[in-house]
């Protein structure tokens, strides 16, 4: 990410999420419901539910909301019959975009996603067209000033694949999705609190966008993220925090 700050980008993204907290809560509730339906109501025995539970806590979601979503998922009540779908496409300058959705109406969702791409200068691709440019992995990000040695010792012993530190001191831990819970627990036991922790689609390489291209790309990402059925949007575009 030559020329701009990964840490500023991370803080900027968190700020954008906070500004859309109502929408974020809705997406987390949907994810909790699906996780509970698939793996049960006990977060200690359901790693996916535990991960979303942590995400709910980070978003300051009331515990009552979390418990209701779990009950809905376990009970299979109306509203819990969501399908998980991934769409792929291209943004400004041909950068790759992956859009993960949870929906109870595939026809509506694909139309909404296609419209967002078309309106903001991108286009939908076929299944498999860009996903190969990303790695499905667990990711933990720590603030500058965190001890790299402590992070490395805890993470690697718990099954992490790599620990990366950039010139700003931002530390990134990468692990297989299957090791996410073990690595998270090891980091917690070491007294470490990540700024971000999730299972993501991490781009293998990044394409830098600047100026108008960065602004246009951010508008496309915002349009996709604002759709009710969209859970996560990943891109290999790298933009400064003003983009």
C-alpha atoms as a PDB file:
ATOM      1  CA  UNK A   1       0.000   0.000   0.000  1.00  0.00           C
ATOM      2  CA  UNK A   2       2.670   2.433  -1.032  1.00  0.00           C
ATOM      3  CA  UNK A   3       1.792   6.061  -0.565  1.00  0.00           C
ATOM      4  CA  UNK A   4      -0.846   5.756   2.102  1.00  0.00           C
ATOM      5  CA  UNK A   5      -1.544   4.330   5.488  1.00  0.00           C
ATOM      6  CA  UNK A   6      -3.006   0.901   6.193  1.00  0.00           C
ATOM      7  CA  UNK A   7      -3.766   2.019   9.744  1.00  0.00           C
ATOM      8  CA  UNK A   8      -5.639   5.096   8.503  1.00  0.00           C
ATOM      9  CA  UNK A   9      -7.602   2.877   6.127  1.00  0.00           C
ATOM     10  CA  UNK A  10      -8.533   0.515   8.972  1.00  0.00           C
ATOM     11  CA  UNK A  11      -9.666   3.381  11.204  1.00  0.00           C
ATOM     12  CA  UNK A  12     -11.558   4.954   8.321  1.00  0.00           C
ATOM     13  CA  UNK A  13     -13.381   1.708   7.601  1.00  0.00           C
ATOM     14  CA  UNK A  14     -14.305   1.291  11.269  1.00  0.00           C
ATOM     15  CA  UNK A  15     -15.635   4.828  11.302  1.00  0.00           C
ATOM     16  CA  UNK A  16     -17.743   4.177   8.244  1.00  0.00           C
ATOM     17  CA  UNK A  17     -19.179   1.063   9.894  1.00  0.00           C
ATOM     18  CA  UNK A  18     -19.979   2.982  13.079  1.00  0.00           C
ATOM     19  CA  UNK A  19     -21.796   5.595  11.029  1.00  0.00           C
ATOM     20  CA  UNK A  20     -23.997   2.840   9.583  1.00  0.00           C
ATOM     21  CA  UNK A  21     -24.538   1.060  12.885  1.00  0.00           C
ATOM     22  CA  UNK A  22     -28.258   0.398  12.363  1.00  0.00           C
ATOM     23  CA  UNK A  23     -27.517  -1.339   9.084  1.00  0.00           C
ATOM     24  CA  UNK A  24     -24.571  -3.165  10.679  1.00  0.00           C
ATOM     25  CA  UNK A  25     -26.785  -4.522  13.468  1.00  0.00           C
ATOM     26  CA  UNK A  26     -29.273  -5.828  10.928  1.00  0.00           C
ATOM     27  CA  UNK A  27     -26.516  -7.685   9.095  1.00  0.00           C
ATOM     28  CA  UNK A  28     -25.066  -9.123  12.289  1.00  0.00           C
ATOM     29  CA  UNK A  29     -28.502 -10.341  13.423  1.00  0.00           C
ATOM     30  CA  UNK A  30     -28.929 -12.115  10.100  1.00  0.00           C
ATOM     31  CA  UNK A  31     -25.500 -13.701  10.431  1.00  0.00           C
ATOM     32  CA  UNK A  32     -26.204 -14.815  14.016  1.00  0.00           C
ATOM     33  CA  UNK A  33     -29.460 -16.413  12.901  1.00  0.00           C
ATOM     34  CA  UNK A  34     -27.761 -18.359  10.120  1.00  0.00           C
ATOM     35  CA  UNK A  35     -24.844 -19.391  12.361  1.00  0.00           C
ATOM     36  CA  UNK A  36     -27.167 -20.631  15.110  1.00  0.00           C
ATOM     37  CA  UNK A  37     -29.315 -22.536  12.630  1.00  0.00           C
ATOM     38  CA  UNK A  38     -26.235 -24.255  11.184  1.00  0.00           C
ATOM     39  CA  UNK A  39     -24.288 -25.006  14.352  1.00  0.00           C
ATOM     40  CA  UNK A  40     -26.464 -24.605  17.430  1.00  0.00           C
ATOM     41  CA  UNK A  41     -26.981 -21.996  20.126  1.00  0.00           C
ATOM     42  CA  UNK A  42     -23.800 -22.528  22.182  1.00  0.00           C
ATOM     43  CA  UNK A  43     -21.033 -20.134  21.079  1.00  0.00           C
ATOM     44  CA  UNK A  44     -18.410 -22.281  22.830  1.00  0.00           C
ATOM     45  CA  UNK A  45     -19.361 -25.230  20.634  1.00  0.00           C
ATOM     46  CA  UNK A  46     -20.127 -23.180  17.510  1.00  0.00           C
ATOM     47  CA  UNK A  47     -17.027 -21.247  16.328  1.00  0.00           C
ATOM     48  CA  UNK A  48     -18.946 -19.341  13.694  1.00  0.00           C
ATOM     49  CA  UNK A  49     -21.510 -18.169  16.223  1.00  0.00           C
ATOM     50  CA  UNK A  50     -18.746 -17.171  18.638  1.00  0.00           C
ATOM     51  CA  UNK A  51     -17.132 -15.060  15.928  1.00  0.00           C
ATOM     52  CA  UNK A  52     -20.384 -13.235  15.158  1.00  0.00           C
ATOM     53  CA  UNK A  53     -21.101 -12.896  18.884  1.00  0.00           C
ATOM     54  CA  UNK A  54     -17.775 -11.065  19.238  1.00  0.00           C
ATOM     55  CA  UNK A  55     -18.691  -8.893  16.264  1.00  0.00           C
ATOM     56  CA  UNK A  56     -22.007  -8.041  17.933  1.00  0.00           C
ATOM     57  CA  UNK A  57     -20.213  -7.058  21.144  1.00  0.00           C
ATOM     58  CA  UNK A  58     -17.807  -4.859  19.198  1.00  0.00           C
ATOM     59  CA  UNK A  59     -20.795  -3.134  17.587  1.00  0.00           C
ATOM     60  CA  UNK A  60     -22.375  -2.552  21.045  1.00  0.00           C
ATOM     61  CA  UNK A  61     -25.407  -4.629  20.171  1.00  0.00           C
ATOM     62  CA  UNK A  62     -27.711  -5.304  23.159  1.00  0.00           C
ATOM     63  CA  UNK A  63     -27.534  -8.891  24.422  1.00  0.00           C
ATOM     64  CA  UNK A  64     -31.317  -9.233  24.094  1.00  0.00           C
ATOM     65  CA  UNK A  65     -31.003  -8.677  20.343  1.00  0.00           C
ATOM     66  CA  UNK A  66     -28.318 -11.363  20.130  1.00  0.00           C
ATOM     67  CA  UNK A  67     -30.361 -13.883  22.145  1.00  0.00           C
ATOM     68  CA  UNK A  68     -33.471 -13.281  20.023  1.00  0.00           C
ATOM     69  CA  UNK A  69     -31.475 -13.862  16.835  1.00  0.00           C
ATOM     70  CA  UNK A  70     -30.044 -17.100  18.235  1.00  0.00           C
ATOM     71  CA  UNK A  71     -33.511 -18.289  19.276  1.00  0.00           C
ATOM     72  CA  UNK A  72     -34.855 -17.495  15.829  1.00  0.00           C
ATOM     73  CA  UNK A  73     -32.055 -19.464  14.190  1.00  0.00           C
ATOM     74  CA  UNK A  74     -32.371 -22.506  16.430  1.00  0.00           C
ATOM     75  CA  UNK A  75     -36.148 -22.475  16.182  1.00  0.00           C
ATOM     76  CA  UNK A  76     -36.171 -21.990  12.442  1.00  0.00           C
ATOM     77  CA  UNK A  77     -38.755 -19.234  12.792  1.00  0.00           C
ATOM     78  CA  UNK A  78     -39.848 -17.032   9.935  1.00  0.00           C
ATOM     79  CA  UNK A  79     -37.009 -14.962   8.592  1.00  0.00           C
ATOM     80  CA  UNK A  80     -34.235 -17.475   9.245  1.00  0.00           C
ATOM     81  CA  UNK A  81     -34.393 -19.199   5.849  1.00  0.00           C
ATOM     82  CA  UNK A  82     -31.508 -17.304   4.321  1.00  0.00           C
ATOM     83  CA  UNK A  83     -29.325 -18.589   1.512  1.00  0.00           C
ATOM     84  CA  UNK A  84     -25.663 -17.607   1.420  1.00  0.00           C
ATOM     85  CA  UNK A  85     -24.622 -16.451  -2.046  1.00  0.00           C
ATOM     86  CA  UNK A  86     -21.421 -14.979  -3.448  1.00  0.00           C
ATOM     87  CA  UNK A  87     -21.327 -12.645  -6.443  1.00  0.00           C
ATOM     88  CA  UNK A  88     -18.181 -11.566  -8.239  1.00  0.00           C
ATOM     89  CA  UNK A  89     -17.458  -8.593 -10.427  1.00  0.00           C
ATOM     90  CA  UNK A  90     -15.198  -5.788 -11.542  1.00  0.00           C
ATOM     91  CA  UNK A  91     -14.907  -2.243 -10.272  1.00  0.00           C
ATOM     92  CA  UNK A  92     -13.149   0.869 -11.553  1.00  0.00           C
ATOM     93  CA  UNK A  93     -10.150   0.026 -13.689  1.00  0.00           C
ATOM     94  CA  UNK A  94     -11.058  -3.656 -13.644  1.00  0.00           C
ATOM     95  CA  UNK A  95     -10.263  -4.210  -9.952  1.00  0.00           C
ATOM     96  CA  UNK A  96     -11.781  -7.333  -8.419  1.00  0.00           C
ATOM     97  CA  UNK A  97     -14.854  -7.264  -6.168  1.00  0.00           C
ATOM     98  CA  UNK A  98     -16.407 -10.125  -4.174  1.00  0.00           C
ATOM     99  CA  UNK A  99     -19.876  -9.619  -2.657  1.00  0.00           C
ATOM    100  CA  UNK A 100     -21.117 -12.049   0.006  1.00  0.00           C
ATOM    101  CA  UNK A 101     -24.869 -12.018   0.602  1.00  0.00           C
ATOM    102  CA  UNK A 102     -27.516 -13.633   2.793  1.00  0.00           C
ATOM    103  CA  UNK A 103     -30.933 -13.529   1.198  1.00  0.00           C
ATOM    104  CA  UNK A 104     -34.417 -14.994   1.250  1.00  0.00           C
ATOM    105  CA  UNK A 105     -34.971 -13.850  -2.364  1.00  0.00           C
ATOM    106  CA  UNK A 106     -32.180 -14.606  -4.827  1.00  0.00           C
ATOM    107  CA  UNK A 107     -33.928 -12.858  -7.722  1.00  0.00           C
ATOM    108  CA  UNK A 108     -34.140  -9.583  -5.820  1.00  0.00           C
ATOM    109  CA  UNK A 109     -30.558  -9.816  -4.579  1.00  0.00           C
ATOM    110  CA  UNK A 110     -28.879 -10.489  -7.905  1.00  0.00           C
ATOM    111  CA  UNK A 111     -30.864  -7.651  -9.501  1.00  0.00           C
ATOM    112  CA  UNK A 112     -29.841  -5.238  -6.734  1.00  0.00           C
ATOM    113  CA  UNK A 113     -26.166  -6.231  -6.910  1.00  0.00           C
ATOM    114  CA  UNK A 114     -26.077  -6.032 -10.720  1.00  0.00           C
ATOM    115  CA  UNK A 115     -27.738  -2.605 -10.626  1.00  0.00           C
ATOM    116  CA  UNK A 116     -25.204  -1.278  -8.089  1.00  0.00           C
ATOM    117  CA  UNK A 117     -22.309  -2.449 -10.241  1.00  0.00           C
ATOM    118  CA  UNK A 118     -23.779  -0.977 -13.431  1.00  0.00           C
ATOM    119  CA  UNK A 119     -24.754   2.373 -11.880  1.00  0.00           C
ATOM    120  CA  UNK A 120     -21.291   2.992 -10.449  1.00  0.00           C
ATOM    121  CA  UNK A 121     -19.038   1.988 -13.332  1.00  0.00           C
ATOM    122  CA  UNK A 122     -18.505  -1.691 -12.594  1.00  0.00           C
ATOM    123  CA  UNK A 123     -19.963  -4.899 -13.943  1.00  0.00           C
ATOM    124  CA  UNK A 124     -20.920  -8.344 -12.699  1.00  0.00           C
ATOM    125  CA  UNK A 125     -18.692 -11.268 -13.563  1.00  0.00           C
ATOM    126  CA  UNK A 126     -19.322 -14.984 -13.732  1.00  0.00           C
ATOM    127  CA  UNK A 127     -18.826 -17.308 -10.783  1.00  0.00           C
ATOM    128  CA  UNK A 128     -15.107 -17.850 -10.309  1.00  0.00           C
ATOM    129  CA  UNK A 129     -14.114 -14.807 -12.357  1.00  0.00           C
ATOM    130  CA  UNK A 130     -12.233 -13.024  -9.544  1.00  0.00           C
ATOM    131  CA  UNK A 131     -12.478 -15.159  -6.379  1.00  0.00           C
ATOM    132  CA  UNK A 132      -9.175 -16.853  -7.277  1.00  0.00           C
ATOM    133  CA  UNK A 133      -7.465 -13.488  -6.624  1.00  0.00           C
ATOM    134  CA  UNK A 134      -8.346 -13.779  -2.916  1.00  0.00           C
ATOM    135  CA  UNK A 135      -7.490 -16.174  -0.090  1.00  0.00           C
ATOM    136  CA  UNK A 136     -10.185 -17.279   2.365  1.00  0.00           C
ATOM    137  CA  UNK A 137      -8.519 -16.891   5.750  1.00  0.00           C
ATOM    138  CA  UNK A 138      -8.760 -15.706   9.323  1.00  0.00           C
ATOM    139  CA  UNK A 139      -7.368 -12.218   9.864  1.00  0.00           C
ATOM    140  CA  UNK A 140      -6.443 -10.352  13.050  1.00  0.00           C
ATOM    141  CA  UNK A 141      -5.159  -6.761  12.942  1.00  0.00           C
ATOM    142  CA  UNK A 142      -3.314  -5.119  15.844  1.00  0.00           C
ATOM    143  CA  UNK A 143      -2.581  -1.449  16.417  1.00  0.00           C
ATOM    144  CA  UNK A 144       0.902   0.031  16.092  1.00  0.00           C
ATOM    145  CA  UNK A 145       2.759  -0.358  19.382  1.00  0.00           C
ATOM    146  CA  UNK A 146       1.590  -3.921  19.977  1.00  0.00           C
ATOM    147  CA  UNK A 147       4.455  -6.300  20.738  1.00  0.00           C
ATOM    148  CA  UNK A 148       5.293  -8.208  17.584  1.00  0.00           C
ATOM    149  CA  UNK A 149       7.129 -10.876  19.585  1.00  0.00           C
ATOM    150  CA  UNK A 150       4.133 -11.557  21.842  1.00  0.00           C
ATOM    151  CA  UNK A 151       1.745 -11.687  18.896  1.00  0.00           C
ATOM    152  CA  UNK A 152       4.042 -13.976  16.923  1.00  0.00           C
ATOM    153  CA  UNK A 153       4.624 -16.419  19.763  1.00  0.00           C
ATOM    154  CA  UNK A 154       0.920 -16.749  20.619  1.00  0.00           C
ATOM    155  CA  UNK A 155      -0.337 -16.859  17.045  1.00  0.00           C
ATOM    156  CA  UNK A 156       2.142 -19.248  15.468  1.00  0.00           C
ATOM    157  CA  UNK A 157       1.887 -21.774  18.307  1.00  0.00           C
ATOM    158  CA  UNK A 158      -1.905 -21.775  17.868  1.00  0.00           C
ATOM    159  CA  UNK A 159      -1.741 -22.535  14.145  1.00  0.00           C
ATOM    160  CA  UNK A 160      -1.414 -19.174  12.380  1.00  0.00           C
ATOM    161  CA  UNK A 161       0.206 -19.223   8.948  1.00  0.00           C
ATOM    162  CA  UNK A 162       1.900 -15.847   9.061  1.00  0.00           C
ATOM    163  CA  UNK A 163       2.459 -12.680  11.098  1.00  0.00           C
ATOM    164  CA  UNK A 164       3.082  -9.543   9.033  1.00  0.00           C
ATOM    165  CA  UNK A 165       4.215  -6.134  10.270  1.00  0.00           C
ATOM    166  CA  UNK A 166       4.198  -3.056   8.025  1.00  0.00           C
ATOM    167  CA  UNK A 167       6.310   0.093   8.212  1.00  0.00           C
ATOM    168  CA  UNK A 168       3.771   1.751  10.520  1.00  0.00           C
ATOM    169  CA  UNK A 169       3.875  -1.113  13.000  1.00  0.00           C
ATOM    170  CA  UNK A 170       0.456  -2.501  12.116  1.00  0.00           C
ATOM    171  CA  UNK A 171       0.560  -6.246  12.826  1.00  0.00           C
ATOM    172  CA  UNK A 172      -1.561  -8.662  10.810  1.00  0.00           C
ATOM    173  CA  UNK A 173      -2.053 -12.313  11.717  1.00  0.00           C
ATOM    174  CA  UNK A 174      -3.228 -14.699   9.001  1.00  0.00           C
ATOM    175  CA  UNK A 175      -4.539 -18.209   9.722  1.00  0.00           C
ATOM    176  CA  UNK A 176      -6.639 -20.929   8.099  1.00  0.00           C
ATOM    177  CA  UNK A 177     -10.386 -20.459   8.756  1.00  0.00           C
ATOM    178  CA  UNK A 178     -10.344 -23.754  10.690  1.00  0.00           C
ATOM    179  CA  UNK A 179      -7.753 -22.338  13.106  1.00  0.00           C
ATOM    180  CA  UNK A 180      -9.523 -19.009  13.709  1.00  0.00           C
ATOM    181  CA  UNK A 181     -11.007 -19.941  17.095  1.00  0.00           C
ATOM    182  CA  UNK A 182      -7.754 -21.451  18.386  1.00  0.00           C
ATOM    183  CA  UNK A 183      -5.697 -18.440  17.315  1.00  0.00           C
ATOM    184  CA  UNK A 184      -8.242 -16.010  18.752  1.00  0.00           C
ATOM    185  CA  UNK A 185      -8.207 -17.847  22.087  1.00  0.00           C
ATOM    186  CA  UNK A 186      -4.401 -17.912  22.192  1.00  0.00           C
ATOM    187  CA  UNK A 187      -4.205 -14.190  21.473  1.00  0.00           C
ATOM    188  CA  UNK A 188      -6.770 -13.481  24.207  1.00  0.00           C
ATOM    189  CA  UNK A 189      -4.810 -15.568  26.723  1.00  0.00           C
ATOM    190  CA  UNK A 190      -1.714 -13.542  25.848  1.00  0.00           C
ATOM    191  CA  UNK A 191      -3.621 -10.372  26.749  1.00  0.00           C
ATOM    192  CA  UNK A 192      -3.891  -9.165  23.159  1.00  0.00           C
ATOM    193  CA  UNK A 193      -6.961  -7.395  21.770  1.00  0.00           C
ATOM    194  CA  UNK A 194      -7.137  -7.012  17.979  1.00  0.00           C
ATOM    195  CA  UNK A 195      -8.672  -3.976  16.324  1.00  0.00           C
ATOM    196  CA  UNK A 196     -10.220  -6.308  13.759  1.00  0.00           C
ATOM    197  CA  UNK A 197     -10.782 -10.067  13.816  1.00  0.00           C
ATOM    198  CA  UNK A 198     -12.765 -11.909  11.183  1.00  0.00           C
ATOM    199  CA  UNK A 199     -12.718 -14.617   8.544  1.00  0.00           C
ATOM    200  CA  UNK A 200     -12.268 -12.736   5.296  1.00  0.00           C
ATOM    201  CA  UNK A 201     -11.437 -12.900   1.611  1.00  0.00           C
ATOM    202  CA  UNK A 202      -7.955 -11.350   1.616  1.00  0.00           C
ATOM    203  CA  UNK A 203      -6.642 -10.100  -1.738  1.00  0.00           C
ATOM    204  CA  UNK A 204      -3.431 -11.807  -2.853  1.00  0.00           C
ATOM    205  CA  UNK A 205      -2.215  -8.560  -4.432  1.00  0.00           C
ATOM    206  CA  UNK A 206      -3.630  -5.041  -4.424  1.00  0.00           C
ATOM    207  CA  UNK A 207      -4.207  -2.459  -7.143  1.00  0.00           C
ATOM    208  CA  UNK A 208      -3.825   1.154  -6.055  1.00  0.00           C
ATOM    209  CA  UNK A 209      -6.509   3.639  -7.101  1.00  0.00           C
ATOM    210  CA  UNK A 210      -6.055   7.385  -6.660  1.00  0.00           C
ATOM    211  CA  UNK A 211      -7.979  10.587  -7.365  1.00  0.00           C
ATOM    212  CA  UNK A 212     -11.274  10.287  -9.224  1.00  0.00           C
ATOM    213  CA  UNK A 213     -10.873   6.540  -9.658  1.00  0.00           C
ATOM    214  CA  UNK A 214     -10.615   6.078  -5.880  1.00  0.00           C
ATOM    215  CA  UNK A 215     -13.676   8.279  -5.310  1.00  0.00           C
ATOM    216  CA  UNK A 216     -15.709   6.373  -7.911  1.00  0.00           C
ATOM    217  CA  UNK A 217     -14.619   3.040  -6.474  1.00  0.00           C
ATOM    218  CA  UNK A 218     -15.613   4.077  -2.955  1.00  0.00           C
ATOM    219  CA  UNK A 219     -19.070   5.026  -4.263  1.00  0.00           C
ATOM    220  CA  UNK A 220     -19.413   1.562  -5.801  1.00  0.00           C
ATOM    221  CA  UNK A 221     -18.361  -0.114  -2.545  1.00  0.00           C
ATOM    222  CA  UNK A 222     -20.761   2.081  -0.556  1.00  0.00           C
ATOM    223  CA  UNK A 223     -23.613   1.219  -2.924  1.00  0.00           C
ATOM    224  CA  UNK A 224     -22.961  -2.508  -2.576  1.00  0.00           C
ATOM    225  CA  UNK A 225     -22.521  -2.358   1.217  1.00  0.00           C
ATOM    226  CA  UNK A 226     -25.782  -0.427   1.603  1.00  0.00           C
ATOM    227  CA  UNK A 227     -27.856  -3.226   0.053  1.00  0.00           C
ATOM    228  CA  UNK A 228     -29.947  -5.045   2.646  1.00  0.00           C
ATOM    229  CA  UNK A 229     -28.891  -8.510   1.488  1.00  0.00           C
ATOM    230  CA  UNK A 230     -25.145  -7.785   1.341  1.00  0.00           C
ATOM    231  CA  UNK A 231     -23.099  -8.982   4.311  1.00  0.00           C
ATOM    232  CA  UNK A 232     -19.532  -8.253   3.208  1.00  0.00           C
ATOM    233  CA  UNK A 233     -17.766  -6.682   0.243  1.00  0.00           C
ATOM    234  CA  UNK A 234     -14.127  -7.450  -0.544  1.00  0.00           C
ATOM    235  CA  UNK A 235     -11.899  -5.812  -3.142  1.00  0.00           C
ATOM    236  CA  UNK A 236      -8.284  -5.862  -4.208  1.00  0.00           C
ATOM    237  CA  UNK A 237      -8.415  -2.089  -4.725  1.00  0.00           C
ATOM    238  CA  UNK A 238      -6.214  -0.063  -2.396  1.00  0.00           C
ATOM    239  CA  UNK A 239      -7.368   3.511  -1.809  1.00  0.00           C
ATOM    240  CA  UNK A 240      -6.375   6.267   0.575  1.00  0.00           C
ATOM    241  CA  UNK A 241      -8.825   7.046   3.363  1.00  0.00           C
ATOM    242  CA  UNK A 242     -10.180  10.083   1.547  1.00  0.00           C
ATOM    243  CA  UNK A 243     -11.242   7.984  -1.407  1.00  0.00           C
END
